[in-house]
């Protein structure tokens, strides 16, 4: 099959009379002269009546509504009854109509594309966010496109530029940095409704849906302290990044609440990276006086920690107790299943996209509102009381 002016045309037919020439014999000349489909069809009649692509006119005819009504039902661009929407959707399903998103955006001035910017789509944590955003978008008649920044500000800038070129209607962003300088840079790049997920950025006016990360760090550490551990290491993330700093602050707060001093030598960098966390854990356990408890402040660093402990033959929790922040989808099949502080990431993702779609629909300006979600401790088998 060949496509000519948006239509599927058979190019495998046998030789025919001049009024039914195979489409491929005339397509180049017609396309070069920008001949319309109707003109092409008037010349070659029956050849294009088979296998043609459904149009919105076909949808409207099958649903028994005006073309403008069908368009409003598809794009939610004007009030339409639920009965009409249902009829249009049935017609779409019956004839296989696929709206042309780019053309629709150009005609209406409205895009149906939502951009999601995450640190690493390979991380199951962010893959779950992408799935949730995609599901909500599809239900609302939008398409989601996802990009990873690799926690690199330069790549983040490149991604935002690309999003602007693609005319996205709105953005959900997990930022690479949270300081005011970065906020000023992002403010100059973002020109559509935006919601920040799980981290604020100083100086940005956008609404934020996030976890109480201080409480997450405190819960993880307090659990180990309550079991009698005092030599507790923390594998932390990227200095200066709000999520990392807040979770480390929670670690420190748990000690302060009990009037205990923090051993600074037990705070080691993991950079939110599995391999770096793996190396940090190996170094911790090789010390003459290794920790009896370890907190890893992200899911990928928890994975790195678990690999390192297994590699050294360290028994969990007999030799060391460990707690991770952010749950793992496969936690229950690990041996032992790890104790974690879970963050409500799916609920947060759903709330972020719903809030963004509300802002797009109302064209309301952002208020800088922050919604803080509580984490929860899930005690499994990787922790026990210090003997």
Protein backbone atom coordinates (compact mmCIF):
# COMPACT_ATOMS: atom_id res chain seq x y z
CA UNK A 1 0.00 0.00 0.00
CA UNK A 2 1.10 3.61 -0.66
CA UNK A 3 -0.24 6.75 1.00
CA UNK A 4 -1.30 9.57 -1.31
CA UNK A 5 -2.71 12.78 0.14
CA UNK A 6 -3.54 10.94 3.35
CA UNK A 7 -5.14 7.95 1.62
CA UNK A 8 -4.10 4.30 1.37
CA UNK A 9 -3.76 3.25 -2.27
CA UNK A 10 -3.06 -0.21 -3.63
CA UNK A 11 0.10 -0.35 -5.72
CA UNK A 12 -0.03 -4.05 -6.53
CA UNK A 13 -2.96 -4.06 -8.95
CA UNK A 14 -2.47 -5.44 -12.49
CA UNK A 15 -2.28 -3.24 -15.55
CA UNK A 16 -5.61 -1.44 -16.16
CA UNK A 17 -7.24 1.01 -18.47
CA UNK A 18 -6.05 4.64 -18.33
CA UNK A 19 -8.99 5.69 -16.13
CA UNK A 20 -7.89 3.17 -13.50
CA UNK A 21 -4.10 3.40 -13.64
CA UNK A 22 -2.19 2.02 -10.65
CA UNK A 23 -1.80 4.87 -8.16
CA UNK A 24 1.99 4.61 -7.94
CA UNK A 25 2.34 5.47 -11.62
CA UNK A 26 0.85 8.93 -11.11
CA UNK A 27 1.54 9.77 -7.47
CA UNK A 28 4.91 11.53 -7.89
CA UNK A 29 3.59 13.96 -10.50
CA UNK A 30 0.39 14.63 -8.61
CA UNK A 31 2.18 15.18 -5.32
CA UNK A 32 4.71 17.50 -6.93
CA UNK A 33 1.82 19.66 -8.12
CA UNK A 34 0.07 19.38 -4.71
CA UNK A 35 -3.07 17.97 -6.29
CA UNK A 36 -5.84 17.51 -3.71
CA UNK A 37 -7.36 14.18 -2.88
CA UNK A 38 -10.69 15.21 -4.38
CA UNK A 39 -9.02 16.17 -7.67
CA UNK A 40 -7.10 12.90 -7.69
CA UNK A 41 -10.28 10.98 -6.99
CA UNK A 42 -12.19 12.79 -9.74
CA UNK A 43 -9.52 11.63 -12.20
CA UNK A 44 -9.19 8.03 -11.06
CA UNK A 45 -12.59 7.37 -9.51
CA UNK A 46 -12.99 3.92 -8.02
CA UNK A 47 -9.33 3.29 -7.22
CA UNK A 48 -9.50 5.34 -3.95
CA UNK A 49 -12.87 4.13 -2.74
CA UNK A 50 -11.26 1.10 -1.13
CA UNK A 51 -9.00 1.27 1.92
CA UNK A 52 -9.40 5.02 2.45
CA UNK A 53 -8.59 6.61 5.80
CA UNK A 54 -11.60 7.61 7.91
CA UNK A 55 -12.15 11.33 8.42
CA UNK A 56 -14.02 13.36 11.00
CA UNK A 57 -16.75 13.79 8.38
CA UNK A 58 -17.21 10.00 8.43
CA UNK A 59 -17.36 10.04 12.25
CA UNK A 60 -20.00 12.78 12.24
CA UNK A 61 -22.11 10.96 9.65
CA UNK A 62 -22.03 7.68 11.56
CA UNK A 63 -22.79 9.37 14.90
CA UNK A 64 -25.58 11.45 13.33
CA UNK A 65 -24.15 14.80 14.40
CA UNK A 66 -22.66 17.86 12.74
CA UNK A 67 -18.92 17.85 11.99
CA UNK A 68 -18.42 20.71 14.46
CA UNK A 69 -20.20 18.69 17.16
CA UNK A 70 -18.04 15.63 16.46
CA UNK A 71 -14.94 17.81 16.70
CA UNK A 72 -16.09 19.29 20.01
CA UNK A 73 -16.76 15.80 21.40
CA UNK A 74 -13.31 14.57 20.35
CA UNK A 75 -11.33 17.62 21.47
CA UNK A 76 -13.54 18.66 24.43
CA UNK A 77 -13.39 22.13 22.90
CA UNK A 78 -17.05 23.00 23.59
CA UNK A 79 -19.88 21.70 25.81
CA UNK A 80 -21.27 18.42 24.47
CA UNK A 81 -23.71 16.02 26.11
CA UNK A 82 -22.55 12.68 27.44
CA UNK A 83 -24.90 10.95 24.98
CA UNK A 84 -23.26 12.69 22.02
CA UNK A 85 -19.77 11.91 23.34
CA UNK A 86 -20.74 8.25 23.65
CA UNK A 87 -22.11 8.16 20.08
CA UNK A 88 -19.00 9.83 18.69
CA UNK A 89 -16.74 7.42 20.58
CA UNK A 90 -18.72 4.47 19.25
CA UNK A 91 -18.37 5.84 15.72
CA UNK A 92 -14.62 6.30 16.16
CA UNK A 93 -14.25 2.72 17.34
CA UNK A 94 -16.43 1.38 14.54
CA UNK A 95 -14.64 3.05 11.63
CA UNK A 96 -11.12 3.30 13.08
CA UNK A 97 -10.84 7.07 12.96
CA UNK A 98 -7.52 8.45 14.28
CA UNK A 99 -7.48 12.23 14.97
CA UNK A 100 -4.50 14.09 13.51
CA UNK A 101 -3.13 15.69 16.65
CA UNK A 102 -0.75 18.14 15.00
CA UNK A 103 -3.32 19.42 12.51
CA UNK A 104 -5.92 19.73 15.25
CA UNK A 105 -3.51 21.75 17.39
CA UNK A 106 -2.71 24.12 14.56
CA UNK A 107 -6.38 24.70 13.73
CA UNK A 108 -7.55 25.21 17.32
CA UNK A 109 -4.41 26.77 18.76
CA UNK A 110 -4.60 24.10 21.46
CA UNK A 111 -2.22 21.23 21.90
CA UNK A 112 -3.27 17.83 23.25
CA UNK A 113 0.29 16.91 24.26
CA UNK A 114 1.56 16.74 27.84
CA UNK A 115 5.28 16.61 28.59
CA UNK A 116 6.66 14.63 31.52
CA UNK A 117 10.29 15.24 32.51
CA UNK A 118 11.85 12.72 34.91
CA UNK A 119 15.42 11.97 36.05
CA UNK A 120 15.55 8.41 34.68
CA UNK A 121 12.74 6.51 32.99
CA UNK A 122 14.65 3.24 33.57
CA UNK A 123 14.07 3.69 37.30
CA UNK A 124 10.89 1.71 38.18
CA UNK A 125 9.87 4.58 40.47
CA UNK A 126 9.68 7.01 37.53
CA UNK A 127 8.37 4.40 35.11
CA UNK A 128 5.38 4.03 37.45
CA UNK A 129 4.92 7.81 37.36
CA UNK A 130 4.95 7.74 33.55
CA UNK A 131 2.34 4.96 33.41
CA UNK A 132 0.02 6.84 35.75
CA UNK A 133 0.38 10.12 33.86
CA UNK A 134 -0.18 8.35 30.56
CA UNK A 135 -3.35 6.65 31.82
CA UNK A 136 -4.88 9.89 33.10
CA UNK A 137 -3.91 11.72 29.90
CA UNK A 138 -5.49 9.09 27.65
CA UNK A 139 -8.72 9.19 29.64
CA UNK A 140 -8.81 12.98 29.20
CA UNK A 141 -8.02 12.90 25.48
CA UNK A 142 -4.36 13.92 25.79
CA UNK A 143 -1.11 12.24 24.79
CA UNK A 144 1.90 12.09 27.11
CA UNK A 145 5.52 12.24 26.00
CA UNK A 146 8.29 11.36 28.47
CA UNK A 147 11.91 12.48 28.55
CA UNK A 148 14.73 11.64 30.96
CA UNK A 149 17.24 14.25 32.12
CA UNK A 150 19.78 11.91 33.68
CA UNK A 151 19.80 14.45 36.53
CA UNK A 152 21.76 16.75 34.21
CA UNK A 153 20.72 20.42 34.02
CA UNK A 154 22.06 20.84 30.48
CA UNK A 155 20.02 17.93 29.20
CA UNK A 156 17.00 19.24 31.10
CA UNK A 157 17.35 22.56 29.26
CA UNK A 158 17.56 20.73 25.93
CA UNK A 159 14.46 18.68 26.76
CA UNK A 160 12.44 21.77 27.71
CA UNK A 161 13.44 23.45 24.45
CA UNK A 162 12.27 20.37 22.53
CA UNK A 163 9.01 20.35 24.46
CA UNK A 164 8.41 23.95 23.46
CA UNK A 165 9.03 23.12 19.80
CA UNK A 166 6.52 20.30 20.09
CA UNK A 167 3.94 22.79 21.40
CA UNK A 168 3.09 20.88 24.57
CA UNK A 169 0.00 22.09 26.40
CA UNK A 170 1.57 21.60 29.80
CA UNK A 171 4.44 20.05 31.72
CA UNK A 172 5.04 17.87 34.76
CA UNK A 173 8.65 18.24 35.80
CA UNK A 174 10.85 16.52 38.37
CA UNK A 175 13.65 19.12 38.37
CA UNK A 176 17.37 18.40 38.28
CA UNK A 177 18.19 21.15 40.78
CA UNK A 178 16.25 23.14 43.35
CA UNK A 179 18.24 26.34 43.95
CA UNK A 180 17.11 29.86 43.02
CA UNK A 181 19.60 30.19 40.17
CA UNK A 182 18.18 27.10 38.53
CA UNK A 183 14.68 28.40 39.20
CA UNK A 184 15.47 31.59 37.30
CA UNK A 185 16.74 29.55 34.35
CA UNK A 186 13.67 27.32 34.27
CA UNK A 187 11.33 30.29 34.54
CA UNK A 188 12.80 31.64 31.32
CA UNK A 189 12.28 28.33 29.52
CA UNK A 190 8.81 27.29 30.63
CA UNK A 191 5.88 29.07 28.96
CA UNK A 192 3.00 26.64 29.58
CA UNK A 193 1.09 25.47 32.67
CA UNK A 194 3.47 23.38 34.77
CA UNK A 195 3.34 21.29 37.93
CA UNK A 196 6.49 20.27 39.79
CA UNK A 197 6.50 16.72 41.12
CA UNK A 198 8.20 15.66 44.35
CA UNK A 199 10.51 18.68 44.50
CA UNK A 200 10.17 22.44 44.64
CA UNK A 201 12.53 24.89 42.97
CA UNK A 202 13.28 28.23 44.63
CA UNK A 203 11.86 31.13 42.65
CA UNK A 204 9.40 29.15 40.53
CA UNK A 205 5.69 30.04 40.87
CA UNK A 206 4.38 26.60 39.89
CA UNK A 207 2.32 24.32 42.10
CA UNK A 208 4.20 21.44 43.72
CA UNK A 209 3.03 17.93 44.62
CA UNK A 210 5.63 16.34 46.88
CA UNK A 211 6.42 13.98 49.71
CA UNK A 212 7.36 15.12 53.20
CA UNK A 213 10.94 14.04 52.60
CA UNK A 214 12.18 15.23 55.98
CA UNK A 215 9.65 12.92 57.59
CA UNK A 216 10.71 10.08 55.27
CA UNK A 217 14.32 10.35 56.43
CA UNK A 218 13.25 10.67 60.05
CA UNK A 219 10.96 7.61 59.92
CA UNK A 220 13.66 5.40 58.41
CA UNK A 221 16.27 6.43 60.96
CA UNK A 222 13.95 6.44 63.97
CA UNK A 223 12.93 2.86 63.19
CA UNK A 224 16.57 1.74 63.49
CA UNK A 225 17.12 3.85 66.61
CA UNK A 226 14.03 2.30 68.21
CA UNK A 227 15.62 -1.12 67.67
CA UNK A 228 18.71 -0.07 69.64
CA UNK A 229 21.00 0.84 66.73
CA UNK A 230 23.15 3.93 67.15
CA UNK A 231 25.93 3.36 64.61
CA UNK A 232 23.62 4.06 61.67
CA UNK A 233 25.04 4.99 58.28
CA UNK A 234 23.18 7.02 55.65
CA UNK A 235 23.78 6.68 51.92
CA UNK A 236 22.65 10.09 50.69
CA UNK A 237 21.94 11.60 47.28
CA UNK A 238 23.09 14.78 45.55
CA UNK A 239 24.11 17.70 47.81
CA UNK A 240 22.01 20.81 47.19
CA UNK A 241 19.08 18.86 45.75
CA UNK A 242 16.01 19.42 47.92
CA UNK A 243 14.91 15.78 47.98
CA UNK A 244 18.34 14.61 49.11
CA UNK A 245 18.89 17.44 51.59
CA UNK A 246 15.45 16.96 53.15
CA UNK A 247 15.88 13.22 53.62
CA UNK A 248 19.30 13.74 55.15
CA UNK A 249 17.78 16.40 57.41
CA UNK A 250 15.25 13.83 58.57
CA UNK A 251 18.08 11.41 59.35
CA UNK A 252 19.71 14.09 61.49
CA UNK A 253 16.44 15.05 63.14
CA UNK A 254 15.86 11.48 64.36
CA UNK A 255 19.19 11.59 66.21
CA UNK A 256 18.50 15.07 67.58
CA UNK A 257 15.08 13.99 68.87
CA UNK A 258 16.84 11.42 71.05
CA UNK A 259 19.62 13.77 72.08
CA UNK A 260 22.21 11.77 70.13
CA UNK A 261 25.10 13.09 68.04
CA UNK A 262 25.47 12.15 64.38
CA UNK A 263 28.71 10.49 63.33
CA UNK A 264 29.53 12.50 60.19
CA UNK A 265 31.83 9.76 58.94
CA UNK A 266 28.78 7.50 58.53
CA UNK A 267 27.13 9.81 56.00
CA UNK A 268 28.38 8.72 52.57
CA UNK A 269 27.44 9.88 49.04
CA UNK A 270 25.43 7.66 46.71
CA UNK A 271 24.35 10.33 44.17
CA UNK A 272 20.97 8.60 43.65
CA UNK A 273 22.92 6.04 41.63
CA UNK A 274 22.93 2.26 42.12
CA UNK A 275 26.62 1.78 41.32
CA UNK A 276 27.78 4.61 43.55
CA UNK A 277 25.60 3.36 46.39
CA UNK A 278 27.06 -0.11 45.83
CA UNK A 279 30.60 1.27 46.15
CA UNK A 280 29.68 3.32 49.22
CA UNK A 281 28.16 0.29 50.94
CA UNK A 282 31.24 -1.85 50.22
CA UNK A 283 33.44 0.85 51.76
CA UNK A 284 31.21 1.13 54.85
CA UNK A 285 31.23 -2.62 55.51
CA UNK A 286 35.00 -2.83 55.01
CA UNK A 287 35.65 -0.46 57.91
CA UNK A 288 37.14 -1.80 61.15
CA UNK A 289 33.94 -0.77 62.91
CA UNK A 290 31.14 -1.09 60.34
CA UNK A 291 27.64 0.26 60.98
CA UNK A 292 24.96 -1.94 62.51
CA UNK A 293 22.24 -0.15 60.55
CA UNK A 294 22.09 1.59 57.17
CA UNK A 295 19.56 3.96 55.62
CA UNK A 296 19.55 4.31 51.81
CA UNK A 297 17.55 7.38 50.84
CA UNK A 298 16.29 6.24 47.41
CA UNK A 299 15.12 3.03 45.76
CA UNK A 300 18.03 2.65 43.33
CA UNK A 301 20.53 3.23 46.12
CA UNK A 302 18.70 0.58 48.14
CA UNK A 303 19.29 -1.85 45.26
CA UNK A 304 22.99 -0.96 45.20
CA UNK A 305 23.19 -1.46 48.95
CA UNK A 306 21.55 -4.89 48.76
CA UNK A 307 23.94 -6.03 46.02
CA UNK A 308 26.93 -4.88 48.06
CA UNK A 309 25.83 -6.65 51.22
CA UNK A 310 25.21 -9.87 49.33
CA UNK A 311 28.58 -9.54 47.58
CA UNK A 312 30.40 -9.29 50.91
CA UNK A 313 28.41 -12.11 52.47
CA UNK A 314 26.84 -9.79 55.04
CA UNK A 315 23.70 -11.29 56.53
CA UNK A 316 20.56 -9.13 56.72
CA UNK A 317 19.42 -8.43 59.41
CA UNK A 318 21.76 -10.63 61.52
CA UNK A 319 24.89 -8.62 60.70
CA UNK A 320 23.33 -5.32 59.65
CA UNK A 321 19.82 -3.90 59.54
CA UNK A 322 18.83 -1.74 56.58
CA UNK A 323 15.97 0.56 55.62
CA UNK A 324 15.33 2.05 52.17
CA UNK A 325 13.31 5.10 51.21
CA UNK A 326 10.88 4.58 48.30
CA UNK A 327 9.41 1.12 47.94
CA UNK A 328 10.48 -1.46 45.35
CA UNK A 329 7.91 -3.15 43.11
CA UNK A 330 9.70 -6.46 43.61
CA UNK A 331 10.35 -6.01 47.35
CA UNK A 332 8.35 -9.01 48.50
CA UNK A 333 10.34 -11.47 46.36
CA UNK A 334 13.69 -10.35 47.77
CA UNK A 335 15.36 -12.33 50.53
CA UNK A 336 14.84 -10.84 53.00
CA UNK A 337 12.09 -8.41 51.92
CA UNK A 338 13.44 -4.95 52.80
CA UNK A 339 11.90 -2.58 55.29
CA UNK A 340 11.16 0.71 53.53
CA UNK A 341 9.61 4.11 53.95
CA UNK A 342 7.13 4.23 51.08
CA UNK A 343 6.17 7.44 49.34
CA UNK A 344 2.71 7.69 47.68
CA UNK A 345 4.23 8.27 44.26
CA UNK A 346 1.29 6.98 42.19
CA UNK A 347 -1.23 9.12 44.06
CA UNK A 348 1.12 12.09 43.68
CA UNK A 349 1.52 11.50 39.94
CA UNK A 350 -2.23 11.23 39.51
CA UNK A 351 -2.83 14.41 41.48
CA UNK A 352 -0.14 16.25 39.50
CA UNK A 353 -1.63 15.44 36.10
CA UNK A 354 -5.18 16.14 37.27
CA UNK A 355 -4.09 19.51 38.65
CA UNK A 356 -2.23 20.29 35.43
CA UNK A 357 -5.25 19.46 33.26
CA UNK A 358 -7.40 21.68 35.48
CA UNK A 359 -4.96 24.55 34.96
CA UNK A 360 -4.87 23.99 31.20
CA UNK A 361 -8.66 23.96 31.02
CA UNK A 362 -9.19 27.04 33.19
CA UNK A 363 -6.08 28.89 31.97
CA UNK A 364 -5.61 29.93 35.59
CA UNK A 365 -2.24 31.25 36.71
CA UNK A 366 -0.21 29.08 39.12
CA UNK A 367 -0.39 29.96 42.80
CA UNK A 368 2.79 28.29 44.03
CA UNK A 369 0.65 26.01 46.18
CA UNK A 370 2.43 23.02 47.76
CA UNK A 371 0.68 19.76 48.55
CA UNK A 372 2.72 17.68 50.99
CA UNK A 373 2.07 13.93 51.16
CA UNK A 374 2.93 11.81 54.18
CA UNK A 375 5.24 8.80 53.77
CA UNK A 376 4.72 5.58 55.71
CA UNK A 377 7.00 3.00 57.23
CA UNK A 378 6.56 -0.58 55.98
CA UNK A 379 8.34 -2.98 58.31
CA UNK A 380 9.45 -6.20 56.66
CA UNK A 381 12.37 -8.51 57.43
CA UNK A 382 15.56 -6.48 56.89
CA UNK A 383 15.59 -4.94 60.36
CA UNK A 384 15.75 -6.37 63.85
CA UNK A 385 16.64 -5.29 67.38
CA UNK A 386 20.33 -4.97 68.08
CA UNK A 387 21.49 -7.95 70.12
